N, C-alpha and C. Protein backbone atom coordinates (compact mmCIF):
# COMPACT_ATOMS: atom_id res chain seq x y z
N MET A 1 -219.03 -12.16 273.63
CA MET A 1 -220.07 -12.47 272.68
C MET A 1 -219.43 -12.95 271.38
N GLY A 2 -220.19 -13.70 270.62
CA GLY A 2 -219.69 -14.14 269.34
C GLY A 2 -218.96 -15.48 269.38
N ARG A 3 -218.80 -16.06 270.56
CA ARG A 3 -218.16 -17.37 270.63
C ARG A 3 -219.23 -18.44 270.67
N GLU A 4 -218.94 -19.56 270.07
CA GLU A 4 -219.91 -20.65 270.04
C GLU A 4 -219.32 -21.87 270.73
N VAL A 5 -220.14 -22.54 271.47
CA VAL A 5 -219.80 -23.83 272.05
C VAL A 5 -220.78 -24.83 271.46
N ILE A 6 -220.26 -25.82 270.81
CA ILE A 6 -221.11 -26.83 270.20
C ILE A 6 -220.75 -28.16 270.85
N GLY A 7 -221.76 -28.85 271.33
CA GLY A 7 -221.51 -30.12 272.00
C GLY A 7 -222.38 -31.22 271.45
N GLU A 8 -221.93 -32.42 271.66
CA GLU A 8 -222.70 -33.59 271.22
C GLU A 8 -222.78 -34.54 272.41
N TRP A 9 -223.99 -35.00 272.71
CA TRP A 9 -224.18 -35.93 273.82
C TRP A 9 -224.07 -37.35 273.26
N THR A 10 -223.16 -38.15 273.82
CA THR A 10 -222.88 -39.45 273.23
C THR A 10 -223.48 -40.63 273.99
N ASP A 11 -224.25 -40.39 275.03
CA ASP A 11 -224.90 -41.48 275.76
C ASP A 11 -225.93 -42.13 274.85
N SER A 12 -225.80 -43.42 274.59
CA SER A 12 -226.69 -44.10 273.65
C SER A 12 -228.14 -44.15 274.13
N ARG A 13 -228.39 -43.90 275.41
CA ARG A 13 -229.76 -43.89 275.92
C ARG A 13 -230.48 -42.58 275.62
N ALA A 14 -229.72 -41.52 275.35
CA ALA A 14 -230.31 -40.19 275.11
C ALA A 14 -231.03 -40.16 273.76
N ARG A 15 -232.24 -39.62 273.77
CA ARG A 15 -233.03 -39.53 272.54
C ARG A 15 -233.47 -38.11 272.20
N THR A 16 -233.80 -37.32 273.22
CA THR A 16 -234.28 -35.97 272.96
C THR A 16 -233.66 -34.98 273.94
N LEU A 17 -233.70 -33.72 273.54
CA LEU A 17 -233.28 -32.61 274.39
C LEU A 17 -234.48 -31.69 274.56
N SER A 18 -234.56 -31.04 275.72
CA SER A 18 -235.59 -30.03 275.90
C SER A 18 -235.04 -28.90 276.74
N LEU A 19 -235.50 -27.71 276.46
CA LEU A 19 -235.09 -26.51 277.18
C LEU A 19 -236.05 -26.29 278.33
N THR A 20 -235.52 -26.17 279.55
CA THR A 20 -236.37 -25.94 280.71
C THR A 20 -236.70 -24.45 280.83
N ASP A 21 -237.66 -24.13 281.68
CA ASP A 21 -238.07 -22.74 281.87
C ASP A 21 -236.94 -21.85 282.39
N ASP A 22 -235.99 -22.45 283.11
CA ASP A 22 -234.89 -21.66 283.66
C ASP A 22 -233.61 -21.76 282.83
N GLY A 23 -233.72 -22.22 281.57
CA GLY A 23 -232.60 -22.19 280.64
C GLY A 23 -231.64 -23.35 280.72
N LYS A 24 -232.01 -24.41 281.39
CA LYS A 24 -231.18 -25.61 281.43
C LYS A 24 -231.61 -26.54 280.30
N VAL A 25 -230.75 -27.50 279.99
CA VAL A 25 -231.06 -28.46 278.93
C VAL A 25 -231.27 -29.83 279.57
N ALA A 26 -232.46 -30.38 279.39
CA ALA A 26 -232.76 -31.72 279.89
C ALA A 26 -232.48 -32.73 278.78
N ILE A 27 -231.70 -33.75 279.12
CA ILE A 27 -231.39 -34.83 278.20
C ILE A 27 -232.28 -36.00 278.61
N GLN A 28 -233.10 -36.48 277.68
CA GLN A 28 -234.11 -37.48 278.01
C GLN A 28 -233.92 -38.77 277.23
N GLY A 29 -234.38 -39.86 277.84
CA GLY A 29 -234.32 -41.17 277.21
C GLY A 29 -235.53 -41.42 276.32
N ALA A 30 -235.59 -42.62 275.78
CA ALA A 30 -236.65 -42.98 274.83
C ALA A 30 -238.05 -42.88 275.44
N GLY A 31 -238.18 -43.15 276.73
CA GLY A 31 -239.48 -43.09 277.39
C GLY A 31 -239.79 -41.72 277.96
N GLY A 32 -238.96 -40.74 277.68
CA GLY A 32 -239.18 -39.39 278.18
C GLY A 32 -238.59 -39.14 279.55
N GLU A 33 -237.95 -40.16 280.14
CA GLU A 33 -237.35 -39.98 281.46
C GLU A 33 -236.12 -39.09 281.36
N ARG A 34 -235.95 -38.22 282.35
CA ARG A 34 -234.80 -37.32 282.37
C ARG A 34 -233.56 -38.09 282.81
N LEU A 35 -232.56 -38.09 281.96
CA LEU A 35 -231.30 -38.76 282.27
C LEU A 35 -230.30 -37.80 282.89
N TYR A 36 -230.24 -36.59 282.36
CA TYR A 36 -229.28 -35.59 282.81
C TYR A 36 -229.93 -34.21 282.73
N LEU A 37 -229.38 -33.28 283.50
CA LEU A 37 -229.79 -31.88 283.41
C LEU A 37 -228.52 -31.06 283.28
N PHE A 38 -228.37 -30.40 282.15
CA PHE A 38 -227.16 -29.66 281.80
C PHE A 38 -227.41 -28.17 282.02
N SER A 39 -226.47 -27.51 282.69
CA SER A 39 -226.57 -26.06 282.87
C SER A 39 -225.22 -25.43 282.60
N VAL A 40 -225.23 -24.15 282.32
CA VAL A 40 -224.00 -23.41 282.05
C VAL A 40 -223.85 -22.31 283.09
N PRO A 41 -222.60 -21.94 283.38
CA PRO A 41 -222.40 -20.84 284.32
C PRO A 41 -222.70 -19.50 283.64
N GLY A 42 -222.95 -18.51 284.43
CA GLY A 42 -223.16 -17.17 283.87
C GLY A 42 -224.61 -16.82 283.69
N LYS A 43 -224.83 -15.71 283.03
CA LYS A 43 -226.17 -15.15 282.83
C LYS A 43 -226.77 -15.64 281.51
N LEU A 44 -227.95 -16.24 281.59
CA LEU A 44 -228.64 -16.70 280.38
C LEU A 44 -229.18 -15.49 279.62
N LEU A 45 -228.83 -15.38 278.35
CA LEU A 45 -229.32 -14.29 277.51
C LEU A 45 -230.51 -14.73 276.67
N SER A 46 -230.46 -15.96 276.16
CA SER A 46 -231.59 -16.48 275.37
C SER A 46 -231.50 -17.99 275.29
N GLY A 47 -232.62 -18.59 274.98
CA GLY A 47 -232.68 -20.03 274.78
C GLY A 47 -233.75 -20.36 273.76
N GLU A 48 -233.49 -21.38 272.94
CA GLU A 48 -234.44 -21.75 271.90
C GLU A 48 -234.45 -23.26 271.72
N GLN A 49 -235.64 -23.83 271.67
CA GLN A 49 -235.82 -25.25 271.34
C GLN A 49 -235.87 -25.33 269.82
N VAL A 50 -234.78 -25.75 269.19
CA VAL A 50 -234.67 -25.78 267.74
C VAL A 50 -235.40 -27.00 267.16
N SER A 51 -235.20 -28.15 267.78
CA SER A 51 -235.87 -29.38 267.36
C SER A 51 -235.89 -30.32 268.56
N ASP A 52 -236.37 -31.54 268.37
CA ASP A 52 -236.37 -32.52 269.46
C ASP A 52 -234.97 -32.92 269.89
N THR A 53 -234.00 -32.68 269.02
CA THR A 53 -232.63 -33.09 269.33
C THR A 53 -231.64 -31.93 269.33
N GLU A 54 -232.13 -30.70 269.29
CA GLU A 54 -231.24 -29.53 269.26
C GLU A 54 -231.82 -28.39 270.09
N VAL A 55 -230.97 -27.85 270.96
CA VAL A 55 -231.32 -26.69 271.79
C VAL A 55 -230.19 -25.68 271.63
N ALA A 56 -230.55 -24.41 271.48
CA ALA A 56 -229.55 -23.34 271.38
C ALA A 56 -229.69 -22.43 272.59
N ILE A 57 -228.59 -22.18 273.28
CA ILE A 57 -228.60 -21.25 274.41
C ILE A 57 -227.46 -20.25 274.22
N THR A 58 -227.72 -19.02 274.60
CA THR A 58 -226.72 -17.96 274.57
C THR A 58 -226.58 -17.45 275.99
N PHE A 59 -225.35 -17.36 276.46
CA PHE A 59 -225.13 -16.93 277.83
C PHE A 59 -223.89 -16.05 277.90
N GLU A 60 -223.79 -15.32 278.99
CA GLU A 60 -222.68 -14.40 279.20
C GLU A 60 -221.92 -14.84 280.44
N LEU A 61 -220.62 -15.03 280.30
CA LEU A 61 -219.79 -15.38 281.44
C LEU A 61 -219.37 -14.11 282.16
N GLY A 62 -219.25 -14.20 283.47
CA GLY A 62 -218.80 -13.06 284.26
C GLY A 62 -217.34 -12.76 283.99
N ALA A 63 -216.96 -11.51 284.20
CA ALA A 63 -215.58 -11.08 283.94
C ALA A 63 -214.67 -11.47 285.07
C-alpha cells in the first residue's frame, strides 16, 4: 500500500476514460467507441471516476 502508479495514454485518438463496473478502465475515442480496455492484476480495492479524462484505481498485488 502507499505506492502510486501514474500513467498517461498517448494514443491521439483517445479522448475519454471511464471506469467499468468491474474496475477496468475503458479508453474511448471521440465518438465514444471503446479503443482499449485496461486492467490491472491483483485485487481491486477501490475505483473512482475523477473526470472525463481521469480515473483512479487502488489495487493490491498478491504476495
